């Protein structure tokens, strides 16, 4: 396992595609927490949700980085390197995010 994310150069700072989990909304299902794909803007439900659409999105697309869409949370996750990215603040000037390791 890496100590830092090696995929930060792929972060696009997208806007969320939807106001809820894209697949759950289509299915009429519910979710626990939301995650945003930092490559394409896909919104998926977290692994605590029964459908785990954020992780399934990574499996289909190999987009490596997501961040929490929860208001009180400021973190992201790199699926490939299996590492948290904290804090996960949006950097307005360059369109990239900074990473601090734990």
PDB file of N, CA and C in Angstrom:
ATOM      1  N   UNK A   1       0.836  -1.187   0.000  1.00  0.00           N
ATOM      2  CA  UNK A   1       0.000   0.000   0.000  1.00  0.00           C
ATOM      3  C   UNK A   1       0.877   1.246   0.000  1.00  0.00           C
ATOM      4  N   UNK A   2       0.532   2.230  -0.823  1.00  0.00           N
ATOM      5  CA  UNK A   2       1.233   3.500  -0.891  1.00  0.00           C
ATOM      6  C   UNK A   2       0.946   4.327   0.359  1.00  0.00           C
ATOM      7  N   UNK A   3       1.854   5.244   0.696  1.00  0.00           N
ATOM      8  CA  UNK A   3       1.607   6.187   1.782  1.00  0.00           C
ATOM      9  C   UNK A   3       0.958   7.453   1.271  1.00  0.00           C
ATOM     10  N   UNK A   4       1.086   7.731  -0.023  1.00  0.00           N
ATOM     11  CA  UNK A   4       0.463   8.898  -0.633  1.00  0.00           C
ATOM     12  C   UNK A   4      -0.224   8.490  -1.924  1.00  0.00           C
ATOM     13  N   UNK A   5      -1.156   9.311  -2.352  1.00  0.00           N
ATOM     14  CA  UNK A   5      -1.860   9.073  -3.607  1.00  0.00           C
ATOM     15  C   UNK A   5      -0.984   9.533  -4.768  1.00  0.00           C
ATOM     16  N   UNK A   6      -0.803   8.666  -5.734  1.00  0.00           N
ATOM     17  CA  UNK A   6       0.012   8.982  -6.911  1.00  0.00           C
ATOM     18  C   UNK A   6      -0.853   9.367  -8.113  1.00  0.00           C
ATOM     19  N   UNK A   7      -2.139   9.633  -7.868  1.00  0.00           N
ATOM     20  CA  UNK A   7      -3.066   9.910  -8.962  1.00  0.00           C
ATOM     21  C   UNK A   7      -3.671  11.310  -8.895  1.00  0.00           C
ATOM     22  N   UNK A   8      -3.129  12.167  -8.044  1.00  0.00           N
ATOM     23  CA  UNK A   8      -3.716  13.494  -7.869  1.00  0.00           C
ATOM     24  C   UNK A   8      -3.719  14.323  -9.144  1.00  0.00           C
ATOM     25  N   UNK A   9      -2.817  14.036 -10.067  1.00  0.00           N
ATOM     26  CA  UNK A   9      -2.774  14.790 -11.321  1.00  0.00           C
ATOM     27  C   UNK A   9      -4.006  14.529 -12.191  1.00  0.00           C
ATOM     28  N   UNK A  10      -4.818  13.525 -11.840  1.00  0.00           N
ATOM     29  CA  UNK A  10      -6.028  13.215 -12.596  1.00  0.00           C
ATOM     30  C   UNK A  10      -7.260  13.955 -12.083  1.00  0.00           C
ATOM     31  N   UNK A  11      -7.152  14.611 -10.932  1.00  0.00           N
ATOM     32  CA  UNK A  11      -8.298  15.298 -10.331  1.00  0.00           C
ATOM     33  C   UNK A  11      -8.764  16.429 -11.243  1.00  0.00           C
ATOM     34  N   UNK A  12     -10.061  16.443 -11.510  1.00  0.00           N
ATOM     35  CA  UNK A  12     -10.653  17.437 -12.411  1.00  0.00           C
ATOM     36  C   UNK A  12     -11.530  18.476 -11.696  1.00  0.00           C
ATOM     37  N   UNK A  13     -11.799  18.308 -10.399  1.00  0.00           N
ATOM     38  CA  UNK A  13     -12.697  19.196  -9.645  1.00  0.00           C
ATOM     39  C   UNK A  13     -14.069  19.333 -10.320  1.00  0.00           C
ATOM     40  N   UNK A  14     -14.708  18.224 -10.677  1.00  0.00           N
ATOM     41  CA  UNK A  14     -15.989  18.321 -11.375  1.00  0.00           C
ATOM     42  C   UNK A  14     -17.125  18.729 -10.445  1.00  0.00           C
ATOM     43  N   UNK A  15     -18.178  19.252 -11.014  1.00  0.00           N
ATOM     44  CA  UNK A  15     -19.416  19.472 -10.269  1.00  0.00           C
ATOM     45  C   UNK A  15     -20.157  18.144 -10.223  1.00  0.00           C
ATOM     46  N   UNK A  16     -20.917  17.896  -9.148  1.00  0.00           N
ATOM     47  CA  UNK A  16     -21.689  16.649  -9.084  1.00  0.00           C
ATOM     48  C   UNK A  16     -22.706  16.572 -10.228  1.00  0.00           C
ATOM     49  N   UNK A  17     -22.837  15.395 -10.825  1.00  0.00           N
ATOM     50  CA  UNK A  17     -23.797  15.184 -11.913  1.00  0.00           C
ATOM     51  C   UNK A  17     -25.234  15.216 -11.420  1.00  0.00           C
ATOM     52  N   UNK A  18     -25.452  14.830 -10.153  1.00  0.00           N
ATOM     53  CA  UNK A  18     -26.802  14.753  -9.586  1.00  0.00           C
ATOM     54  C   UNK A  18     -26.763  15.205  -8.126  1.00  0.00           C
ATOM     55  N   UNK A  19     -27.945  15.332  -7.528  1.00  0.00           N
ATOM     56  CA  UNK A  19     -28.051  15.704  -6.111  1.00  0.00           C
ATOM     57  C   UNK A  19     -28.165  14.489  -5.206  1.00  0.00           C
ATOM     58  N   UNK A  20     -27.955  13.308  -5.743  1.00  0.00           N
ATOM     59  CA  UNK A  20     -28.010  12.067  -4.981  1.00  0.00           C
ATOM     60  C   UNK A  20     -27.284  10.989  -5.760  1.00  0.00           C
ATOM     61  N   UNK A  21     -27.255   9.799  -5.211  1.00  0.00           N
ATOM     62  CA  UNK A  21     -26.612   8.681  -5.905  1.00  0.00           C
ATOM     63  C   UNK A  21     -27.321   8.442  -7.235  1.00  0.00           C
ATOM     64  N   UNK A  22     -26.558   8.529  -8.319  1.00  0.00           N
ATOM     65  CA  UNK A  22     -27.143   8.429  -9.657  1.00  0.00           C
ATOM     66  C   UNK A  22     -27.944   7.142  -9.858  1.00  0.00           C
ATOM     67  N   UNK A  23     -27.345   6.019  -9.501  1.00  0.00           N
ATOM     68  CA  UNK A  23     -28.009   4.726  -9.706  1.00  0.00           C
ATOM     69  C   UNK A  23     -29.175   4.530  -8.744  1.00  0.00           C
ATOM     70  N   UNK A  24     -29.009   4.926  -7.483  1.00  0.00           N
ATOM     71  CA  UNK A  24     -30.100   4.770  -6.507  1.00  0.00           C
ATOM     72  C   UNK A  24     -31.308   5.616  -6.900  1.00  0.00           C
ATOM     73  N   UNK A  25     -31.056   6.835  -7.410  1.00  0.00           N
ATOM     74  CA  UNK A  25     -32.165   7.678  -7.864  1.00  0.00           C
ATOM     75  C   UNK A  25     -32.934   6.989  -8.991  1.00  0.00           C
ATOM     76  N   UNK A  26     -32.222   6.373  -9.927  1.00  0.00           N
ATOM     77  CA  UNK A  26     -32.873   5.666 -11.042  1.00  0.00           C
ATOM     78  C   UNK A  26     -33.671   4.467 -10.556  1.00  0.00           C
ATOM     79  N   UNK A  27     -33.153   3.787  -9.498  1.00  0.00           N
ATOM     80  CA  UNK A  27     -33.788   2.587  -8.952  1.00  0.00           C
ATOM     81  C   UNK A  27     -34.887   2.915  -7.949  1.00  0.00           C
ATOM     82  N   UNK A  28     -34.929   4.162  -7.486  1.00  0.00           N
ATOM     83  CA  UNK A  28     -35.865   4.528  -6.420  1.00  0.00           C
ATOM     84  C   UNK A  28     -35.406   4.017  -5.074  1.00  0.00           C
ATOM     85  N   UNK A  29     -34.086   3.844  -4.903  1.00  0.00           N
ATOM     86  CA  UNK A  29     -33.532   3.299  -3.664  1.00  0.00           C
ATOM     87  C   UNK A  29     -32.908   4.414  -2.824  1.00  0.00           C
ATOM     88  N   UNK A  30     -32.457   4.070  -1.639  1.00  0.00           N
ATOM     89  CA  UNK A  30     -31.878   5.045  -0.710  1.00  0.00           C
ATOM     90  C   UNK A  30     -30.389   4.780  -0.517  1.00  0.00           C
ATOM     91  N   UNK A  31     -29.717   5.719   0.165  1.00  0.00           N
ATOM     92  CA  UNK A  31     -28.290   5.616   0.433  1.00  0.00           C
ATOM     93  C   UNK A  31     -27.993   6.169   1.805  1.00  0.00           C
ATOM     94  N   UNK A  32     -26.775   5.917   2.296  1.00  0.00           N
ATOM     95  CA  UNK A  32     -26.344   6.414   3.602  1.00  0.00           C
ATOM     96  C   UNK A  32     -25.568   7.720   3.434  1.00  0.00           C
ATOM     97  N   UNK A  33     -24.478   7.695   2.661  1.00  0.00           N
ATOM     98  CA  UNK A  33     -23.656   8.872   2.398  1.00  0.00           C
ATOM     99  C   UNK A  33     -23.312   8.908   0.910  1.00  0.00           C
ATOM    100  N   UNK A  34     -22.912  10.088   0.437  1.00  0.00           N
ATOM    101  CA  UNK A  34     -22.602  10.257  -0.979  1.00  0.00           C
ATOM    102  C   UNK A  34     -21.119  10.502  -1.199  1.00  0.00           C
ATOM    103  N   UNK A  35     -20.612  10.014  -2.330  1.00  0.00           N
ATOM    104  CA  UNK A  35     -19.226  10.184  -2.733  1.00  0.00           C
ATOM    105  C   UNK A  35     -19.194  10.723  -4.161  1.00  0.00           C
ATOM    106  N   UNK A  36     -18.236  11.616  -4.431  1.00  0.00           N
ATOM    107  CA  UNK A  36     -18.102  12.247  -5.744  1.00  0.00           C
ATOM    108  C   UNK A  36     -16.841  11.765  -6.431  1.00  0.00           C
ATOM    109  N   UNK A  37     -16.974  11.257  -7.649  1.00  0.00           N
ATOM    110  CA  UNK A  37     -15.813  10.893  -8.451  1.00  0.00           C
ATOM    111  C   UNK A  37     -15.133  12.185  -8.872  1.00  0.00           C
ATOM    112  N   UNK A  38     -13.878  12.331  -8.528  1.00  0.00           N
ATOM    113  CA  UNK A  38     -13.141  13.556  -8.829  1.00  0.00           C
ATOM    114  C   UNK A  38     -12.606  13.583 -10.261  1.00  0.00           C
ATOM    115  N   UNK A  39     -12.951  12.588 -11.054  1.00  0.00           N
ATOM    116  CA  UNK A  39     -12.560  12.566 -12.454  1.00  0.00           C
ATOM    117  C   UNK A  39     -13.732  13.031 -13.328  1.00  0.00           C
ATOM    118  N   UNK A  40     -14.925  12.455 -13.102  1.00  0.00           N
ATOM    119  CA  UNK A  40     -16.046  12.717 -14.011  1.00  0.00           C
ATOM    120  C   UNK A  40     -17.280  13.339 -13.369  1.00  0.00           C
ATOM    121  N   UNK A  41     -17.345  13.438 -12.036  1.00  0.00           N
ATOM    122  CA  UNK A  41     -18.504  14.028 -11.379  1.00  0.00           C
ATOM    123  C   UNK A  41     -19.613  13.044 -11.029  1.00  0.00           C
ATOM    124  N   UNK A  42     -19.381  11.757 -11.251  1.00  0.00           N
ATOM    125  CA  UNK A  42     -20.375  10.747 -10.870  1.00  0.00           C
ATOM    126  C   UNK A  42     -20.615  10.812  -9.365  1.00  0.00           C
ATOM    127  N   UNK A  43     -21.873  10.760  -8.962  1.00  0.00           N
ATOM    128  CA  UNK A  43     -22.230  10.715  -7.545  1.00  0.00           C
ATOM    129  C   UNK A  43     -22.716   9.306  -7.245  1.00  0.00           C
ATOM    130  N   UNK A  44     -22.056   8.661  -6.284  1.00  0.00           N
ATOM    131  CA  UNK A  44     -22.423   7.306  -5.895  1.00  0.00           C
ATOM    132  C   UNK A  44     -22.564   7.188  -4.393  1.00  0.00           C
ATOM    133  N   UNK A  45     -23.217   6.143  -3.961  1.00  0.00           N
ATOM    134  CA  UNK A  45     -23.402   5.924  -2.524  1.00  0.00           C
ATOM    135  C   UNK A  45     -22.178   5.210  -1.938  1.00  0.00           C
ATOM    136  N   UNK A  46     -21.970   5.429  -0.655  1.00  0.00           N
ATOM    137  CA  UNK A  46     -20.788   4.914   0.049  1.00  0.00           C
ATOM    138  C   UNK A  46     -20.874   3.407   0.293  1.00  0.00           C
ATOM    139  N   UNK A  47     -19.802   2.853   0.814  1.00  0.00           N
ATOM    140  CA  UNK A  47     -19.760   1.417   1.088  1.00  0.00           C
ATOM    141  C   UNK A  47     -20.625   1.008   2.271  1.00  0.00           C
ATOM    142  N   UNK A  48     -21.115   1.962   3.070  1.00  0.00           N
ATOM    143  CA  UNK A  48     -22.071   1.653   4.138  1.00  0.00           C
ATOM    144  C   UNK A  48     -23.487   1.521   3.588  1.00  0.00           C
ATOM    145  N   UNK A  49     -23.696   1.994   2.382  1.00  0.00           N
ATOM    146  CA  UNK A  49     -24.988   1.853   1.704  1.00  0.00           C
ATOM    147  C   UNK A  49     -25.065   0.454   1.094  1.00  0.00           C
ATOM    148  N   UNK A  50     -26.265  -0.081   0.966  1.00  0.00           N
ATOM    149  CA  UNK A  50     -26.381  -1.463   0.489  1.00  0.00           C
ATOM    150  C   UNK A  50     -25.914  -1.657  -0.954  1.00  0.00           C
ATOM    151  N   UNK A  51     -25.980  -0.600  -1.784  1.00  0.00           N
ATOM    152  CA  UNK A  51     -25.628  -0.754  -3.195  1.00  0.00           C
ATOM    153  C   UNK A  51     -24.178  -0.431  -3.534  1.00  0.00           C
ATOM    154  N   UNK A  52     -23.494   0.325  -2.702  1.00  0.00           N
ATOM    155  CA  UNK A  52     -22.062   0.630  -2.857  1.00  0.00           C
ATOM    156  C   UNK A  52     -21.713   1.128  -4.272  1.00  0.00           C
ATOM    157  N   UNK A  53     -22.496   2.074  -4.789  1.00  0.00           N
ATOM    158  CA  UNK A  53     -22.314   2.519  -6.168  1.00  0.00           C
ATOM    159  C   UNK A  53     -21.026   3.301  -6.413  1.00  0.00           C
ATOM    160  N   UNK A  54     -20.480   3.985  -5.413  1.00  0.00           N
ATOM    161  CA  UNK A  54     -19.218   4.702  -5.633  1.00  0.00           C
ATOM    162  C   UNK A  54     -18.095   3.711  -5.941  1.00  0.00           C
ATOM    163  N   UNK A  55     -18.015   2.655  -5.180  1.00  0.00           N
ATOM    164  CA  UNK A  55     -16.989   1.635  -5.415  1.00  0.00           C
ATOM    165  C   UNK A  55     -17.247   0.895  -6.732  1.00  0.00           C
ATOM    166  N   UNK A  56     -18.509   0.637  -7.049  1.00  0.00           N
ATOM    167  CA  UNK A  56     -18.835  -0.015  -8.331  1.00  0.00           C
ATOM    168  C   UNK A  56     -18.433   0.880  -9.505  1.00  0.00           C
ATOM    169  N   UNK A  57     -18.586   2.206  -9.329  1.00  0.00           N
ATOM    170  CA  UNK A  57     -18.171   3.139 -10.374  1.00  0.00           C
ATOM    171  C   UNK A  57     -16.666   3.023 -10.621  1.00  0.00           C
ATOM    172  N   UNK A  58     -15.879   2.943  -9.555  1.00  0.00           N
ATOM    173  CA  UNK A  58     -14.434   2.739  -9.724  1.00  0.00           C
ATOM    174  C   UNK A  58     -14.166   1.432 -10.472  1.00  0.00           C
ATOM    175  N   UNK A  59     -14.863   0.368 -10.101  1.00  0.00           N
ATOM    176  CA  UNK A  59     -14.671  -0.925 -10.762  1.00  0.00           C
ATOM    177  C   UNK A  59     -14.958  -0.883 -12.250  1.00  0.00           C
ATOM    178  N   UNK A  60     -15.941  -0.081 -12.653  1.00  0.00           N
ATOM    179  CA  UNK A  60     -16.305   0.023 -14.072  1.00  0.00           C
ATOM    180  C   UNK A  60     -15.387   0.969 -14.842  1.00  0.00           C
ATOM    181  N   UNK A  61     -14.989   2.074 -14.203  1.00  0.00           N
ATOM    182  CA  UNK A  61     -14.291   3.138 -14.928  1.00  0.00           C
ATOM    183  C   UNK A  61     -12.804   3.230 -14.633  1.00  0.00           C
ATOM    184  N   UNK A  62     -12.376   2.676 -13.502  1.00  0.00           N
ATOM    185  CA  UNK A  62     -11.006   2.805 -12.997  1.00  0.00           C
ATOM    186  C   UNK A  62     -10.639   4.254 -12.680  1.00  0.00           C
ATOM    187  N   UNK A  63     -11.651   5.117 -12.455  1.00  0.00           N
ATOM    188  CA  UNK A  63     -11.384   6.477 -11.982  1.00  0.00           C
ATOM    189  C   UNK A  63     -10.918   6.359 -10.536  1.00  0.00           C
ATOM    190  N   UNK A  64      -9.686   6.762 -10.226  1.00  0.00           N
ATOM    191  CA  UNK A  64      -9.069   6.403  -8.956  1.00  0.00           C
ATOM    192  C   UNK A  64      -9.499   7.187  -7.717  1.00  0.00           C
ATOM    193  N   UNK A  65      -9.982   8.417  -7.871  1.00  0.00           N
ATOM    194  CA  UNK A  65     -10.165   9.263  -6.680  1.00  0.00           C
ATOM    195  C   UNK A  65     -11.606   9.715  -6.524  1.00  0.00           C
ATOM    196  N   UNK A  66     -12.111   9.569  -5.311  1.00  0.00           N
ATOM    197  CA  UNK A  66     -13.414  10.104  -4.947  1.00  0.00           C
ATOM    198  C   UNK A  66     -13.227  10.908  -3.672  1.00  0.00           C
ATOM    199  N   UNK A  67     -14.211  11.780  -3.414  1.00  0.00           N
ATOM    200  CA  UNK A  67     -14.229  12.507  -2.150  1.00  0.00           C
ATOM    201  C   UNK A  67     -15.617  12.443  -1.564  1.00  0.00           C
ATOM    202  N   UNK A  68     -15.681  12.646  -0.261  1.00  0.00           N
ATOM    203  CA  UNK A  68     -16.964  12.657   0.421  1.00  0.00           C
ATOM    204  C   UNK A  68     -17.742  13.906   0.032  1.00  0.00           C
ATOM    205  N   UNK A  69     -19.047  13.753  -0.144  1.00  0.00           N
ATOM    206  CA  UNK A  69     -19.914  14.898  -0.391  1.00  0.00           C
ATOM    207  C   UNK A  69     -20.656  15.333   0.874  1.00  0.00           C
ATOM    208  N   UNK A  70     -20.308  14.717   1.996  1.00  0.00           N
ATOM    209  CA  UNK A  70     -20.949  15.089   3.258  1.00  0.00           C
ATOM    210  C   UNK A  70     -20.417  16.444   3.727  1.00  0.00           C
ATOM    211  N   UNK A  71     -21.316  17.333   4.166  1.00  0.00           N
ATOM    212  CA  UNK A  71     -20.940  18.690   4.545  1.00  0.00           C
ATOM    213  C   UNK A  71     -19.844  18.760   5.600  1.00  0.00           C
ATOM    214  N   UNK A  72     -19.897  17.945   6.606  1.00  0.00           N
ATOM    215  CA  UNK A  72     -18.941  18.026   7.715  1.00  0.00           C
ATOM    216  C   UNK A  72     -17.655  17.244   7.452  1.00  0.00           C
ATOM    217  N   UNK A  73     -17.504  16.676   6.261  1.00  0.00           N
ATOM    218  CA  UNK A  73     -16.333  15.852   5.971  1.00  0.00           C
ATOM    219  C   UNK A  73     -15.450  16.494   4.916  1.00  0.00           C
ATOM    220  N   UNK A  74     -14.144  16.365   5.094  1.00  0.00           N
ATOM    221  CA  UNK A  74     -13.169  16.971   4.179  1.00  0.00           C
ATOM    222  C   UNK A  74     -12.076  15.953   3.886  1.00  0.00           C
ATOM    223  N   UNK A  75     -12.442  14.872   3.202  1.00  0.00           N
ATOM    224  CA  UNK A  75     -11.486  13.822   2.895  1.00  0.00           C
ATOM    225  C   UNK A  75     -11.829  13.173   1.551  1.00  0.00           C
ATOM    226  N   UNK A  76     -10.844  12.520   1.004  1.00  0.00           N
ATOM    227  CA  UNK A  76     -11.027  11.760  -0.225  1.00  0.00           C
ATOM    228  C   UNK A  76     -10.367  10.399  -0.083  1.00  0.00           C
ATOM    229  N   UNK A  77     -10.509   9.585  -1.099  1.00  0.00           N
ATOM    230  CA  UNK A  77      -9.948   8.231  -1.093  1.00  0.00           C
ATOM    231  C   UNK A  77      -9.416   7.908  -2.477  1.00  0.00           C
ATOM    232  N   UNK A  78      -8.212   7.370  -2.519  1.00  0.00           N
ATOM    233  CA  UNK A  78      -7.659   6.853  -3.762  1.00  0.00           C
ATOM    234  C   UNK A  78      -7.843   5.337  -3.735  1.00  0.00           C
ATOM    235  N   UNK A  79      -8.687   4.832  -4.617  1.00  0.00           N
ATOM    236  CA  UNK A  79      -8.957   3.395  -4.676  1.00  0.00           C
ATOM    237  C   UNK A  79      -7.715   2.599  -5.079  1.00  0.00           C
ATOM    238  N   UNK A  80      -6.918   3.124  -5.957  1.00  0.00           N
ATOM    239  CA  UNK A  80      -5.758   2.400  -6.472  1.00  0.00           C
ATOM    240  C   UNK A  80      -4.673   2.275  -5.404  1.00  0.00           C
ATOM    241  N   UNK A  81      -4.302   3.405  -4.796  1.00  0.00           N
ATOM    242  CA  UNK A  81      -3.242   3.400  -3.786  1.00  0.00           C
ATOM    243  C   UNK A  81      -3.749   3.051  -2.395  1.00  0.00           C
ATOM    244  N   UNK A  82      -5.071   2.948  -2.230  1.00  0.00           N
ATOM    245  CA  UNK A  82      -5.711   2.641  -0.950  1.00  0.00           C
ATOM    246  C   UNK A  82      -5.222   3.583   0.150  1.00  0.00           C
ATOM    247  N   UNK A  83      -5.375   4.889  -0.101  1.00  0.00           N
ATOM    248  CA  UNK A  83      -4.915   5.888   0.846  1.00  0.00           C
ATOM    249  C   UNK A  83      -5.937   7.025   0.951  1.00  0.00           C
ATOM    250  N   UNK A  84      -6.122   7.518   2.193  1.00  0.00           N
ATOM    251  CA  UNK A  84      -6.979   8.678   2.433  1.00  0.00           C
ATOM    252  C   UNK A  84      -6.242   9.932   2.010  1.00  0.00           C
ATOM    253  N   UNK A  85      -6.990  10.917   1.556  1.00  0.00           N
ATOM    254  CA  UNK A  85      -6.456  12.225   1.212  1.00  0.00           C
ATOM    255  C   UNK A  85      -7.160  13.225   2.120  1.00  0.00           C
ATOM    256  N   UNK A  86      -6.420  13.763   3.079  1.00  0.00           N
ATOM    257  CA  UNK A  86      -6.984  14.707   4.050  1.00  0.00           C
ATOM    258  C   UNK A  86      -6.026  15.861   4.278  1.00  0.00           C
ATOM    259  N   UNK A  87      -6.494  17.076   4.392  1.00  0.00           N
ATOM    260  CA  UNK A  87      -7.835  17.516   3.995  1.00  0.00           C
ATOM    261  C   UNK A  87      -7.956  17.492   2.485  1.00  0.00           C
ATOM    262  N   UNK A  88      -9.175  17.540   2.022  1.00  0.00           N
ATOM    263  CA  UNK A  88      -9.442  17.485   0.593  1.00  0.00           C
ATOM    264  C   UNK A  88     -10.104  18.787   0.174  1.00  0.00           C
ATOM    265  N   UNK A  89      -9.364  19.861   0.249  1.00  0.00           N
ATOM    266  CA  UNK A  89      -9.890  21.189  -0.057  1.00  0.00           C
ATOM    267  C   UNK A  89      -9.773  21.464  -1.545  1.00  0.00           C
ATOM    268  N   UNK A  90     -10.750  22.164  -2.082  1.00  0.00           N
ATOM    269  CA  UNK A  90     -10.695  22.562  -3.493  1.00  0.00           C
ATOM    270  C   UNK A  90      -9.748  23.728  -3.630  1.00  0.00           C
ATOM    271  N   UNK A  91      -8.863  23.624  -4.571  1.00  0.00           N
ATOM    272  CA  UNK A  91      -7.892  24.678  -4.836  1.00  0.00           C
ATOM    273  C   UNK A  91      -8.363  25.416  -6.087  1.00  0.00           C
ATOM    274  N   UNK A  92      -8.886  26.614  -5.914  1.00  0.00           N
ATOM    275  CA  UNK A  92      -9.534  27.357  -6.994  1.00  0.00           C
ATOM    276  C   UNK A  92      -8.577  27.747  -8.120  1.00  0.00           C
ATOM    277  N   UNK A  93      -7.397  28.198  -7.807  1.00  0.00           N
ATOM    278  CA  UNK A  93      -6.519  28.789  -8.819  1.00  0.00           C
ATOM    279  C   UNK A  93      -6.045  27.811  -9.875  1.00  0.00           C
ATOM    280  N   UNK A  94      -5.618  26.615  -9.495  1.00  0.00           N
ATOM    281  CA  UNK A  94      -5.062  25.689 -10.476  1.00  0.00           C
ATOM    282  C   UNK A  94      -6.022  24.570 -10.848  1.00  0.00           C
ATOM    283  N   UNK A  95      -7.135  24.442 -10.124  1.00  0.00           N
ATOM    284  CA  UNK A  95      -8.061  23.367 -10.410  1.00  0.00           C
ATOM    285  C   UNK A  95      -7.587  22.040  -9.858  1.00  0.00           C
ATOM    286  N   UNK A  96      -6.572  22.024  -9.032  1.00  0.00           N
ATOM    287  CA  UNK A  96      -6.057  20.787  -8.427  1.00  0.00           C
ATOM    288  C   UNK A  96      -6.209  20.860  -6.914  1.00  0.00           C
ATOM    289  N   UNK A  97      -6.119  19.712  -6.281  1.00  0.00           N
ATOM    290  CA  UNK A  97      -6.245  19.652  -4.834  1.00  0.00           C
ATOM    291  C   UNK A  97      -4.891  19.332  -4.220  1.00  0.00           C
ATOM    292  N   UNK A  98      -4.689  19.813  -3.031  1.00  0.00           N
ATOM    293  CA  UNK A  98      -3.479  19.515  -2.263  1.00  0.00           C
ATOM    294  C   UNK A  98      -3.732  18.272  -1.432  1.00  0.00           C
ATOM    295  N   UNK A  99      -2.706  17.534  -1.104  1.00  0.00           N
ATOM    296  CA  UNK A  99      -2.823  16.351  -0.266  1.00  0.00           C
ATOM    297  C   UNK A  99      -1.932  16.478   0.940  1.00  0.00           C
ATOM    298  N   UNK A 100      -2.465  16.088   2.077  1.00  0.00           N
ATOM    299  CA  UNK A 100      -1.678  15.991   3.283  1.00  0.00           C
ATOM    300  C   UNK A 100      -1.758  14.549   3.744  1.00  0.00           C
ATOM    301  N   UNK A 101      -0.633  13.926   4.018  1.00  0.00           N
ATOM    302  CA  UNK A 101      -0.657  12.538   4.473  1.00  0.00           C
ATOM    303  C   UNK A 101      -0.807  12.507   5.976  1.00  0.00           C
ATOM    304  N   UNK A 102      -1.346  11.405   6.475  1.00  0.00           N
ATOM    305  CA  UNK A 102      -1.566  11.242   7.920  1.00  0.00           C
ATOM    306  C   UNK A 102      -0.280  10.877   8.619  1.00  0.00           C
TER     307      UNK A 102
END
